[in-house]
Amino acid sequence: MPRSGGGDMSVHGPLAAPRLFLSCAGSDRDVAERMASELGRHGIDATVDHWCPPGANWVLWINDAMAAADFYILLWSAAARDQAVVAALWSAALVRELAERSSYLLVVRLDDSALPPVLAPRHSLDGTHGRWSEVVRDLAGIWRRDRAGGAPPAVAGDPVAPEATGVTAPTRMIRVRNQVLGFAVVLAVAETMTGWELLSLIRARLALPDEQTRFAGQVGLRFRYRLGIAGEPLPEDPAALLHLSDGALVDLEVVVEPFGPVGPMAGTTSYRPATSGAQVQAAVPPAAQRALVRSAFRHLAPPTASSRAGTR
């Protein structure tokens, strides 16, 4: 049944659980409502597209609910495939995702029905044969662990193109985070790949910058990246294979090297757990370095309620 409270669906604070908008065919409403109820027990606020209050303008209600949601969850089935309203909603969600260059549209498959060509390459969560409750636990577990780790949740669920990694289609979901800089991202990857391939993939998918400059490039910061799991660095040997498990937590260390008009400067900073990123060189004042780092990684910060409101 609909959640109580009505209107306000904004995110409360950087570590608040995401608000989900579940879209489904009418015949799948029972599954959607049970999922929403289970998500609620995990502290995640979920709204189902069939919960428009009596007498309300359905179009305006849907528009507001989708705009306020952090993620749109498409419950895909044979019934959803044949409903024009469902197609209109996921199409609108896809347009928003492309416009914001963020991950907003996630797919949960309730049966083996073929996805539309534009959605088929995406990684989808498997809720077939009654496994939708496992999807709830997986989603809730990701958000819970990210909150416990001090990083705001974000998702990048698009598939990784095979040519980008040289490996087969993605089969695992991993979480990449930097607690100091305050971001955590979920990525679909192949089960087996090398550390070098994984780092290359993460750099491409997260659009990690090589440098950030000021004063016509005369002063700035250069960035290097390292990966680790459970406090242990991942091997960078191109021949060393990794076997990644679902839900693997990968820490992304950001190494910052300042430079000036005459070249590199001393004072390398490493943004990783248990560090504050406080080392600086006099030619790049602390405030300037912080501003450069924020600017370089702003695209990975989850959108605030006010920034989402500005896109309506």
C-alpha atoms as a PDB file:
ATOM      1  CA  MET A   1       0.000   0.000   0.000  1.00  0.00           C
ATOM      2  CA  PRO A   2       1.185   3.582  -0.427  1.00  0.00           C
ATOM      3  CA  ARG A   3       3.605   4.922   2.127  1.00  0.00           C
ATOM      4  CA  SER A   4       2.321   7.518   4.528  1.00  0.00           C
ATOM      5  CA  GLY A   5       3.417  11.125   4.502  1.00  0.00           C
ATOM      6  CA  GLY A   6       2.812  12.015   0.866  1.00  0.00           C
ATOM      7  CA  GLY A   7       4.585  14.841  -0.891  1.00  0.00           C
ATOM      8  CA  ASP A   8       8.218  15.295   0.165  1.00  0.00           C
ATOM      9  CA  MET A   9      10.537  12.803  -1.532  1.00  0.00           C
ATOM     10  CA  SER A  10      13.810  14.731  -1.265  1.00  0.00           C
ATOM     11  CA  VAL A  11      16.964  13.111   0.059  1.00  0.00           C
ATOM     12  CA  HIS A  12      17.739  14.056   3.653  1.00  0.00           C
ATOM     13  CA  GLY A  13      21.501  14.396   4.055  1.00  0.00           C
ATOM     14  CA  PRO A  14      24.439  12.939   2.104  1.00  0.00           C
ATOM     15  CA  LEU A  15      24.181   9.498   3.739  1.00  0.00           C
ATOM     16  CA  ALA A  16      20.403   9.090   3.448  1.00  0.00           C
ATOM     17  CA  ALA A  17      19.192   5.952   1.721  1.00  0.00           C
ATOM     18  CA  PRO A  18      18.047   6.523  -1.865  1.00  0.00           C
ATOM     19  CA  ARG A  19      14.440   6.987  -2.783  1.00  0.00           C
ATOM     20  CA  LEU A  20      13.279   4.561  -5.435  1.00  0.00           C
ATOM     21  CA  PHE A  21      10.446   4.797  -7.938  1.00  0.00           C
ATOM     22  CA  LEU A  22       9.160   1.346  -8.958  1.00  0.00           C
ATOM     23  CA  SER A  23       7.440   1.084 -12.327  1.00  0.00           C
ATOM     24  CA  CYS A  24       5.580  -2.033 -13.436  1.00  0.00           C
ATOM     25  CA  ALA A  25       2.659  -3.474 -15.364  1.00  0.00           C
ATOM     26  CA  GLY A  26      -0.674  -3.578 -13.574  1.00  0.00           C
ATOM     27  CA  SER A  27      -0.494  -7.354 -13.213  1.00  0.00           C
ATOM     28  CA  ASP A  28       2.886  -7.018 -11.456  1.00  0.00           C
ATOM     29  CA  ARG A  29       1.634  -4.492  -8.922  1.00  0.00           C
ATOM     30  CA  ASP A  30       1.539  -7.070  -6.117  1.00  0.00           C
ATOM     31  CA  VAL A  31       5.209  -7.895  -6.637  1.00  0.00           C
ATOM     32  CA  ALA A  32       6.123  -4.190  -6.774  1.00  0.00           C
ATOM     33  CA  GLU A  33       4.265  -3.438  -3.546  1.00  0.00           C
ATOM     34  CA  ARG A  34       5.860  -6.386  -1.748  1.00  0.00           C
ATOM     35  CA  MET A  35       9.278  -5.197  -2.929  1.00  0.00           C
ATOM     36  CA  ALA A  36       8.508  -1.671  -1.739  1.00  0.00           C
ATOM     37  CA  SER A  37       7.421  -3.023   1.633  1.00  0.00           C
ATOM     38  CA  GLU A  38      10.608  -5.081   2.013  1.00  0.00           C
ATOM     39  CA  LEU A  39      12.757  -2.136   0.969  1.00  0.00           C
ATOM     40  CA  GLY A  40      10.983  -0.036   3.573  1.00  0.00           C
ATOM     41  CA  ARG A  41      11.955  -2.528   6.266  1.00  0.00           C
ATOM     42  CA  HIS A  42      15.564  -1.918   5.213  1.00  0.00           C
ATOM     43  CA  GLY A  43      15.105   1.843   5.585  1.00  0.00           C
ATOM     44  CA  ILE A  44      14.794   2.522   1.850  1.00  0.00           C
ATOM     45  CA  ASP A  45      11.863   4.650   0.708  1.00  0.00           C
ATOM     46  CA  ALA A  46      10.168   3.168  -2.372  1.00  0.00           C
ATOM     47  CA  THR A  47       7.140   4.452  -4.280  1.00  0.00           C
ATOM     48  CA  VAL A  48       5.138   2.376  -6.776  1.00  0.00           C
ATOM     49  CA  ASP A  49       3.748   4.030  -9.880  1.00  0.00           C
ATOM     50  CA  HIS A  50       0.233   2.749  -9.057  1.00  0.00           C
ATOM     51  CA  TRP A  51       0.078   4.725  -5.803  1.00  0.00           C
ATOM     52  CA  CYS A  52      -1.341   7.946  -7.223  1.00  0.00           C
ATOM     53  CA  PRO A  53      -3.845   9.262  -4.632  1.00  0.00           C
ATOM     54  CA  PRO A  54      -7.533   9.216  -5.652  1.00  0.00           C
ATOM     55  CA  GLY A  55      -8.561  12.414  -7.372  1.00  0.00           C
ATOM     56  CA  ALA A  56      -4.981  13.526  -8.074  1.00  0.00           C
ATOM     57  CA  ASN A  57      -3.750  14.372 -11.556  1.00  0.00           C
ATOM     58  CA  TRP A  58      -1.921  11.165 -12.486  1.00  0.00           C
ATOM     59  CA  VAL A  59       0.426  12.793 -15.006  1.00  0.00           C
ATOM     60  CA  LEU A  60       1.525  15.525 -12.581  1.00  0.00           C
ATOM     61  CA  TRP A  61       1.870  13.021  -9.727  1.00  0.00           C
ATOM     62  CA  ILE A  62       4.048  10.705 -11.835  1.00  0.00           C
ATOM     63  CA  ASN A  63       6.159  13.647 -13.004  1.00  0.00           C
ATOM     64  CA  ASP A  64       6.793  14.836  -9.445  1.00  0.00           C
ATOM     65  CA  ALA A  65       7.456  11.339  -8.118  1.00  0.00           C
ATOM     66  CA  MET A  66       9.977  10.507 -10.847  1.00  0.00           C
ATOM     67  CA  ALA A  67      11.709  13.880 -10.505  1.00  0.00           C
ATOM     68  CA  ALA A  68      12.094  13.438  -6.763  1.00  0.00           C
ATOM     69  CA  ALA A  69      13.322   9.828  -6.937  1.00  0.00           C
ATOM     70  CA  ASP A  70      17.033   9.034  -6.898  1.00  0.00           C
ATOM     71  CA  PHE A  71      16.538   5.927  -9.037  1.00  0.00           C
ATOM     72  CA  TYR A  72      13.860   4.593 -11.362  1.00  0.00           C
ATOM     73  CA  ILE A  73      13.429   0.822 -11.063  1.00  0.00           C
ATOM     74  CA  LEU A  74      11.808  -0.848 -14.076  1.00  0.00           C
ATOM     75  CA  LEU A  75      10.218  -4.195 -13.197  1.00  0.00           C
ATOM     76  CA  TRP A  76      10.387  -5.887 -16.569  1.00  0.00           C
ATOM     77  CA  SER A  77       8.044  -8.693 -17.615  1.00  0.00           C
ATOM     78  CA  ALA A  78       5.942  -9.856 -20.561  1.00  0.00           C
ATOM     79  CA  ALA A  79       3.084  -7.753 -19.209  1.00  0.00           C
ATOM     80  CA  ALA A  80       5.295  -4.649 -18.944  1.00  0.00           C
ATOM     81  CA  ARG A  81       6.508  -5.166 -22.497  1.00  0.00           C
ATOM     82  CA  ASP A  82       2.957  -4.883 -23.801  1.00  0.00           C
ATOM     83  CA  GLN A  83       1.932  -1.739 -21.900  1.00  0.00           C
ATOM     84  CA  ALA A  84       2.423   1.621 -23.575  1.00  0.00           C
ATOM     85  CA  VAL A  85       2.347   3.502 -20.260  1.00  0.00           C
ATOM     86  CA  VAL A  86       5.270   1.477 -18.929  1.00  0.00           C
ATOM     87  CA  ALA A  87       7.203   2.196 -22.131  1.00  0.00           C
ATOM     88  CA  ALA A  88       6.488   5.911 -21.797  1.00  0.00           C
ATOM     89  CA  LEU A  89       7.774   5.968 -18.221  1.00  0.00           C
ATOM     90  CA  TRP A  90      11.014   4.079 -18.804  1.00  0.00           C
ATOM     91  CA  SER A  91      11.640   6.178 -21.922  1.00  0.00           C
ATOM     92  CA  ALA A  92      11.311   9.332 -19.808  1.00  0.00           C
ATOM     93  CA  ALA A  93      13.676   7.822 -17.230  1.00  0.00           C
ATOM     94  CA  LEU A  94      16.222   7.071 -19.938  1.00  0.00           C
ATOM     95  CA  VAL A  95      16.008  10.643 -21.264  1.00  0.00           C
ATOM     96  CA  ARG A  96      16.694  11.997 -17.774  1.00  0.00           C
ATOM     97  CA  GLU A  97      19.637   9.647 -17.314  1.00  0.00           C
ATOM     98  CA  LEU A  98      21.209  10.749 -20.591  1.00  0.00           C
ATOM     99  CA  ALA A  99      20.566  14.442 -19.874  1.00  0.00           C
ATOM    100  CA  GLU A 100      22.118  14.261 -16.398  1.00  0.00           C
ATOM    101  CA  ARG A 101      24.904  11.863 -17.415  1.00  0.00           C
ATOM    102  CA  SER A 102      24.109   9.800 -14.344  1.00  0.00           C
ATOM    103  CA  SER A 103      22.733   6.351 -13.607  1.00  0.00           C
ATOM    104  CA  TYR A 104      19.025   6.655 -12.909  1.00  0.00           C
ATOM    105  CA  LEU A 105      17.321   3.767 -14.738  1.00  0.00           C
ATOM    106  CA  LEU A 106      17.801   0.270 -13.294  1.00  0.00           C
ATOM    107  CA  VAL A 107      16.162  -2.897 -14.636  1.00  0.00           C
ATOM    108  CA  VAL A 108      14.871  -5.815 -12.577  1.00  0.00           C
ATOM    109  CA  ARG A 109      13.714  -8.752 -14.676  1.00  0.00           C
ATOM    110  CA  LEU A 110      10.671 -10.611 -13.366  1.00  0.00           C
ATOM    111  CA  ASP A 111      10.645 -13.157 -16.194  1.00  0.00           C
ATOM    112  CA  ASP A 112      12.668 -14.101 -19.267  1.00  0.00           C
ATOM    113  CA  SER A 113      10.917 -11.720 -21.669  1.00  0.00           C
ATOM    114  CA  ALA A 114      13.278 -10.031 -24.117  1.00  0.00           C
ATOM    115  CA  LEU A 115      14.167  -6.452 -23.270  1.00  0.00           C
ATOM    116  CA  PRO A 116      13.754  -3.664 -25.851  1.00  0.00           C
ATOM    117  CA  PRO A 117      16.908  -3.210 -27.989  1.00  0.00           C
ATOM    118  CA  VAL A 118      17.826   0.044 -26.224  1.00  0.00           C
ATOM    119  CA  LEU A 119      17.759  -1.698 -22.821  1.00  0.00           C
ATOM    120  CA  ALA A 120      19.027  -5.150 -23.804  1.00  0.00           C
ATOM    121  CA  PRO A 121      22.774  -4.407 -23.405  1.00  0.00           C
ATOM    122  CA  ARG A 122      22.283  -3.165 -19.835  1.00  0.00           C
ATOM    123  CA  HIS A 123      23.144  -5.163 -16.775  1.00  0.00           C
ATOM    124  CA  SER A 124      19.863  -6.177 -15.140  1.00  0.00           C
ATOM    125  CA  LEU A 125      19.104  -7.602 -11.724  1.00  0.00           C
ATOM    126  CA  ASP A 126      17.617 -11.097 -11.792  1.00  0.00           C
ATOM    127  CA  GLY A 127      14.214 -11.281 -10.167  1.00  0.00           C
ATOM    128  CA  THR A 128      12.984 -14.200 -12.276  1.00  0.00           C
ATOM    129  CA  HIS A 129      11.384 -17.346 -10.857  1.00  0.00           C
ATOM    130  CA  GLY A 130      10.422 -15.557  -7.660  1.00  0.00           C
ATOM    131  CA  ARG A 131      13.930 -14.297  -6.884  1.00  0.00           C
ATOM    132  CA  TRP A 132      12.818 -10.677  -6.590  1.00  0.00           C
ATOM    133  CA  SER A 133      13.227 -10.836  -2.798  1.00  0.00           C
ATOM    134  CA  GLU A 134      16.928 -11.545  -3.399  1.00  0.00           C
ATOM    135  CA  VAL A 135      17.094  -8.378  -5.488  1.00  0.00           C
ATOM    136  CA  VAL A 136      15.673  -6.449  -2.527  1.00  0.00           C
ATOM    137  CA  ARG A 137      18.297  -7.890  -0.202  1.00  0.00           C
ATOM    138  CA  ASP A 138      21.079  -7.109  -2.688  1.00  0.00           C
ATOM    139  CA  LEU A 139      19.954  -3.503  -3.128  1.00  0.00           C
ATOM    140  CA  ALA A 140      19.462  -2.994   0.587  1.00  0.00           C
ATOM    141  CA  GLY A 141      22.838  -4.558   1.343  1.00  0.00           C
ATOM    142  CA  ILE A 142      24.617  -2.213  -1.058  1.00  0.00           C
ATOM    143  CA  TRP A 143      23.089   0.907   0.465  1.00  0.00           C
ATOM    144  CA  ARG A 144      23.607  -0.327   4.038  1.00  0.00           C
ATOM    145  CA  ARG A 145      27.283  -1.131   3.509  1.00  0.00           C
ATOM    146  CA  ASP A 146      27.897   2.153   1.694  1.00  0.00           C
ATOM    147  CA  ARG A 147      26.306   4.128   4.530  1.00  0.00           C
ATOM    148  CA  ALA A 148      28.334   2.196   7.108  1.00  0.00           C
ATOM    149  CA  GLY A 149      31.451   2.985   5.088  1.00  0.00           C
ATOM    150  CA  GLY A 150      30.715   6.707   5.183  1.00  0.00           C
ATOM    151  CA  ALA A 151      30.185   7.161   1.443  1.00  0.00           C
ATOM    152  CA  PRO A 152      26.967   8.345  -0.192  1.00  0.00           C
ATOM    153  CA  PRO A 153      25.308   5.760  -2.439  1.00  0.00           C
ATOM    154  CA  ALA A 154      25.385   6.078  -6.196  1.00  0.00           C
ATOM    155  CA  VAL A 155      24.858   3.564  -8.954  1.00  0.00           C
ATOM    156  CA  ALA A 156      26.350   3.183 -12.400  1.00  0.00           C
ATOM    157  CA  GLY A 157      24.546   0.156 -13.715  1.00  0.00           C
ATOM    158  CA  ASP A 158      25.145   0.511 -17.434  1.00  0.00           C
ATOM    159  CA  PRO A 159      26.976  -2.376 -19.077  1.00  0.00           C
ATOM    160  CA  VAL A 160      30.660  -2.193 -19.869  1.00  0.00           C
ATOM    161  CA  ALA A 161      31.294  -2.415 -23.583  1.00  0.00           C
ATOM    162  CA  PRO A 162      33.403  -5.530 -24.346  1.00  0.00           C
ATOM    163  CA  GLU A 163      35.829  -3.505 -26.437  1.00  0.00           C
ATOM    164  CA  ALA A 164      36.554  -1.329 -23.411  1.00  0.00           C
ATOM    165  CA  THR A 165      37.933  -4.217 -21.389  1.00  0.00           C
ATOM    166  CA  GLY A 166      38.687  -7.047 -23.790  1.00  0.00           C
ATOM    167  CA  VAL A 167      36.516  -9.372 -21.702  1.00  0.00           C
ATOM    168  CA  THR A 168      33.041 -10.873 -21.954  1.00  0.00           C
ATOM    169  CA  ALA A 169      29.772  -9.291 -20.891  1.00  0.00           C
ATOM    170  CA  PRO A 170      29.580  -8.124 -17.265  1.00  0.00           C
ATOM    171  CA  THR A 171      28.466 -10.734 -14.767  1.00  0.00           C
ATOM    172  CA  ARG A 172      29.290  -9.178 -11.372  1.00  0.00           C
ATOM    173  CA  MET A 173      28.294  -6.038  -9.494  1.00  0.00           C
ATOM    174  CA  ILE A 174      31.109  -4.388  -7.516  1.00  0.00           C
ATOM    175  CA  ARG A 175      31.196  -1.243  -5.388  1.00  0.00           C
ATOM    176  CA  VAL A 176      33.962   1.300  -5.936  1.00  0.00           C
ATOM    177  CA  ARG A 177      34.381   3.968  -3.276  1.00  0.00           C
ATOM    178  CA  ASN A 178      36.604   6.699  -1.920  1.00  0.00           C
ATOM    179  CA  GLN A 179      35.552   7.513   1.614  1.00  0.00           C
ATOM    180  CA  VAL A 180      37.689  10.637   1.911  1.00  0.00           C
ATOM    181  CA  LEU A 181      36.268  12.246  -1.230  1.00  0.00           C
ATOM    182  CA  GLY A 182      32.801  10.955  -0.375  1.00  0.00           C
ATOM    183  CA  PHE A 183      31.594   8.861  -3.296  1.00  0.00           C
ATOM    184  CA  ALA A 184      30.613   5.252  -3.856  1.00  0.00           C
ATOM    185  CA  VAL A 185      29.578   3.813  -7.231  1.00  0.00           C
ATOM    186  CA  VAL A 186      28.178   0.422  -8.224  1.00  0.00           C
ATOM    187  CA  LEU A 187      29.570  -0.956 -11.488  1.00  0.00           C
ATOM    188  CA  ALA A 188      28.772  -3.992 -13.613  1.00  0.00           C
ATOM    189  CA  VAL A 189      31.985  -5.826 -14.534  1.00  0.00           C
ATOM    190  CA  ALA A 190      33.210  -9.181 -15.777  1.00  0.00           C
ATOM    191  CA  GLU A 191      33.782 -11.912 -13.233  1.00  0.00           C
ATOM    192  CA  THR A 192      37.401 -12.428 -14.286  1.00  0.00           C
ATOM    193  CA  MET A 193      39.750  -9.654 -15.368  1.00  0.00           C
ATOM    194  CA  THR A 194      43.201  -8.328 -14.554  1.00  0.00           C
ATOM    195  CA  GLY A 195      43.916  -5.550 -12.077  1.00  0.00           C
ATOM    196  CA  TRP A 196      45.110  -3.378 -14.952  1.00  0.00           C
ATOM    197  CA  GLU A 197      41.865  -3.995 -16.866  1.00  0.00           C
ATOM    198  CA  LEU A 198      39.783  -3.226 -13.787  1.00  0.00           C
ATOM    199  CA  LEU A 199      41.611   0.051 -13.147  1.00  0.00           C
ATOM    200  CA  SER A 200      41.288   1.036 -16.819  1.00  0.00           C
ATOM    201  CA  LEU A 201      37.592   0.217 -16.707  1.00  0.00           C
ATOM    202  CA  ILE A 202      36.992   2.215 -13.526  1.00  0.00           C
ATOM    203  CA  ARG A 203      38.900   5.203 -14.912  1.00  0.00           C
ATOM    204  CA  ALA A 204      36.776   5.151 -18.065  1.00  0.00           C
ATOM    205  CA  ARG A 205      33.408   4.538 -16.416  1.00  0.00           C
ATOM    206  CA  LEU A 206      33.937   7.151 -13.693  1.00  0.00           C
ATOM    207  CA  ALA A 207      35.595   9.624 -16.079  1.00  0.00           C
ATOM    208  CA  LEU A 208      38.501  10.037 -13.660  1.00  0.00           C
ATOM    209  CA  PRO A 209      40.610  13.057 -14.622  1.00  0.00           C
ATOM    210  CA  ASP A 210      44.368  13.070 -15.251  1.00  0.00           C
ATOM    211  CA  GLU A 211      44.774  16.616 -13.952  1.00  0.00           C
ATOM    212  CA  GLN A 212      42.999  19.775 -12.836  1.00  0.00           C
ATOM    213  CA  THR A 213      44.560  23.197 -13.481  1.00  0.00           C
ATOM    214  CA  ARG A 214      44.291  26.918 -12.847  1.00  0.00           C
ATOM    215  CA  PHE A 215      45.917  30.039 -14.277  1.00  0.00           C
ATOM    216  CA  ALA A 216      46.008  28.797 -17.866  1.00  0.00           C
ATOM    217  CA  GLY A 217      47.494  25.473 -16.810  1.00  0.00           C
ATOM    218  CA  GLN A 218      50.433  26.994 -14.922  1.00  0.00           C
ATOM    219  CA  VAL A 219      49.412  25.559 -11.544  1.00  0.00           C
ATOM    220  CA  GLY A 220      47.401  22.472 -10.772  1.00  0.00           C
ATOM    221  CA  LEU A 221      47.165  18.877  -9.626  1.00  0.00           C
ATOM    222  CA  ARG A 222      47.910  15.616 -11.419  1.00  0.00           C
ATOM    223  CA  PHE A 223      46.117  12.441 -10.381  1.00  0.00           C
ATOM    224  CA  ARG A 224      47.161   8.794 -10.166  1.00  0.00           C
ATOM    225  CA  TYR A 225      44.924   5.940  -9.037  1.00  0.00           C
ATOM    226  CA  ARG A 226      45.371   2.681  -7.157  1.00  0.00           C
ATOM    227  CA  LEU A 227      42.877  -0.029  -6.177  1.00  0.00           C
ATOM    228  CA  GLY A 228      42.593  -2.141  -3.068  1.00  0.00           C
ATOM    229  CA  ILE A 229      40.307  -4.711  -1.468  1.00  0.00           C
ATOM    230  CA  ALA A 230      40.121  -5.224   2.308  1.00  0.00           C
ATOM    231  CA  GLY A 231      43.170  -3.031   2.809  1.00  0.00           C
ATOM    232  CA  GLU A 232      45.334  -4.973   0.353  1.00  0.00           C
ATOM    233  CA  PRO A 233      46.451  -3.368  -2.936  1.00  0.00           C
ATOM    234  CA  LEU A 234      45.330  -5.088  -6.111  1.00  0.00           C
ATOM    235  CA  PRO A 235      48.148  -6.315  -8.362  1.00  0.00           C
ATOM    236  CA  GLU A 236      48.894  -4.080 -11.322  1.00  0.00           C
ATOM    237  CA  ASP A 237      50.530  -6.916 -13.276  1.00  0.00           C
ATOM    238  CA  PRO A 238      48.698  -7.083 -16.652  1.00  0.00           C
ATOM    239  CA  ALA A 239      48.880 -10.897 -16.474  1.00  0.00           C
ATOM    240  CA  ALA A 240      47.507 -11.317 -12.925  1.00  0.00           C
ATOM    241  CA  LEU A 241      43.852 -12.334 -13.027  1.00  0.00           C
ATOM    242  CA  LEU A 242      41.309 -11.207 -10.441  1.00  0.00           C
ATOM    243  CA  HIS A 243      38.229 -13.264  -9.611  1.00  0.00           C
ATOM    244  CA  LEU A 244      35.642 -10.756  -8.441  1.00  0.00           C
ATOM    245  CA  SER A 245      32.661 -11.715  -6.336  1.00  0.00           C
ATOM    246  CA  ASP A 246      29.247 -10.066  -6.361  1.00  0.00           C
ATOM    247  CA  GLY A 247      29.225  -7.102  -4.005  1.00  0.00           C
ATOM    248  CA  ALA A 248      33.027  -6.869  -3.829  1.00  0.00           C
ATOM    249  CA  LEU A 249      34.062  -3.574  -2.213  1.00  0.00           C
ATOM    250  CA  VAL A 250      36.940  -1.889  -4.046  1.00  0.00           C
ATOM    251  CA  ASP A 251      38.671   1.121  -2.511  1.00  0.00           C
ATOM    252  CA  LEU A 252      39.900   3.682  -5.024  1.00  0.00           C
ATOM    253  CA  GLU A 253      42.942   5.566  -3.797  1.00  0.00           C
ATOM    254  CA  VAL A 254      43.531   8.960  -5.425  1.00  0.00           C
ATOM    255  CA  VAL A 255      47.132  10.155  -5.404  1.00  0.00           C
ATOM    256  CA  VAL A 256      47.450  13.916  -5.927  1.00  0.00           C
ATOM    257  CA  GLU A 257      50.700  15.491  -7.154  1.00  0.00           C
ATOM    258  CA  PRO A 258      50.890  19.313  -7.308  1.00  0.00           C
ATOM    259  CA  PHE A 259      52.775  21.087 -10.061  1.00  0.00           C
ATOM    260  CA  GLY A 260      53.711  24.669 -10.829  1.00  0.00           C
ATOM    261  CA  PRO A 261      55.167  26.737 -13.668  1.00  0.00           C
ATOM    262  CA  VAL A 262      58.553  25.006 -13.382  1.00  0.00           C
ATOM    263  CA  GLY A 263      57.237  21.443 -13.058  1.00  0.00           C
ATOM    264  CA  PRO A 264      56.345  18.931 -10.298  1.00  0.00           C
ATOM    265  CA  MET A 265      56.380  20.063  -6.684  1.00  0.00           C
ATOM    266  CA  ALA A 266      56.814  18.211  -3.406  1.00  0.00           C
ATOM    267  CA  GLY A 267      53.867  17.425  -1.163  1.00  0.00           C
ATOM    268  CA  THR A 268      52.086  14.421  -2.697  1.00  0.00           C
ATOM    269  CA  THR A 269      48.710  13.709  -1.092  1.00  0.00           C
ATOM    270  CA  SER A 270      46.967  10.323  -0.996  1.00  0.00           C
ATOM    271  CA  TYR A 271      43.189  10.343  -0.628  1.00  0.00           C
ATOM    272  CA  ARG A 272      42.432   6.976   0.934  1.00  0.00           C
ATOM    273  CA  PRO A 273      40.841   5.684   4.179  1.00  0.00           C
ATOM    274  CA  ALA A 274      42.614   6.874   7.360  1.00  0.00           C
ATOM    275  CA  THR A 275      44.123   9.918   5.604  1.00  0.00           C
ATOM    276  CA  SER A 276      42.911  13.493   5.609  1.00  0.00           C
ATOM    277  CA  GLY A 277      44.466  14.697   2.391  1.00  0.00           C
ATOM    278  CA  ALA A 278      46.144  17.513   4.281  1.00  0.00           C
ATOM    279  CA  GLN A 279      49.638  17.578   2.804  1.00  0.00           C
ATOM    280  CA  VAL A 280      50.188  20.553   0.503  1.00  0.00           C
ATOM    281  CA  GLN A 281      53.005  22.528  -1.045  1.00  0.00           C
ATOM    282  CA  ALA A 282      53.195  26.253  -0.435  1.00  0.00           C
ATOM    283  CA  ALA A 283      52.756  27.148  -4.122  1.00  0.00           C
ATOM    284  CA  VAL A 284      49.338  25.426  -4.078  1.00  0.00           C
ATOM    285  CA  PRO A 285      47.604  26.764  -0.942  1.00  0.00           C
ATOM    286  CA  PRO A 286      45.362  24.314   0.942  1.00  0.00           C
ATOM    287  CA  ALA A 287      42.163  26.117  -0.042  1.00  0.00           C
ATOM    288  CA  ALA A 288      43.182  26.105  -3.708  1.00  0.00           C
ATOM    289  CA  GLN A 289      44.043  22.405  -3.581  1.00  0.00           C
ATOM    290  CA  ARG A 290      40.700  21.558  -1.991  1.00  0.00           C
ATOM    291  CA  ALA A 291      38.888  23.588  -4.637  1.00  0.00           C
ATOM    292  CA  LEU A 292      40.770  21.826  -7.433  1.00  0.00           C
ATOM    293  CA  VAL A 293      40.030  18.385  -6.010  1.00  0.00           C
ATOM    294  CA  ARG A 294      36.334  19.206  -5.539  1.00  0.00           C
ATOM    295  CA  SER A 295      36.145  20.472  -9.100  1.00  0.00           C
ATOM    296  CA  ALA A 296      37.906  17.391 -10.490  1.00  0.00           C
ATOM    297  CA  PHE A 297      35.542  14.919  -8.811  1.00  0.00           C
ATOM    298  CA  ARG A 298      32.335  16.944  -8.667  1.00  0.00           C
ATOM    299  CA  HIS A 299      30.710  14.728 -11.295  1.00  0.00           C
ATOM    300  CA  LEU A 300      30.875  11.729  -8.925  1.00  0.00           C
ATOM    301  CA  ALA A 301      29.093  13.433  -6.043  1.00  0.00           C
ATOM    302  CA  PRO A 302      25.442  12.354  -5.715  1.00  0.00           C
ATOM    303  CA  PRO A 303      23.034  15.141  -6.724  1.00  0.00           C
ATOM    304  CA  THR A 304      21.460  17.146  -3.930  1.00  0.00           C
ATOM    305  CA  ALA A 305      17.748  17.750  -3.690  1.00  0.00           C
ATOM    306  CA  SER A 306      18.225  21.350  -4.826  1.00  0.00           C
ATOM    307  CA  SER A 307      20.265  20.324  -7.871  1.00  0.00           C
ATOM    308  CA  ARG A 308      17.587  17.813  -8.871  1.00  0.00           C
ATOM    309  CA  ALA A 309      14.908  20.465  -8.462  1.00  0.00           C
ATOM    310  CA  GLY A 310      16.800  22.642 -10.896  1.00  0.00           C
ATOM    311  CA  THR A 311      16.433  20.012 -13.635  1.00  0.00           C
ATOM    312  CA  ARG A 312      12.653  19.871 -13.487  1.00  0.00           C
END
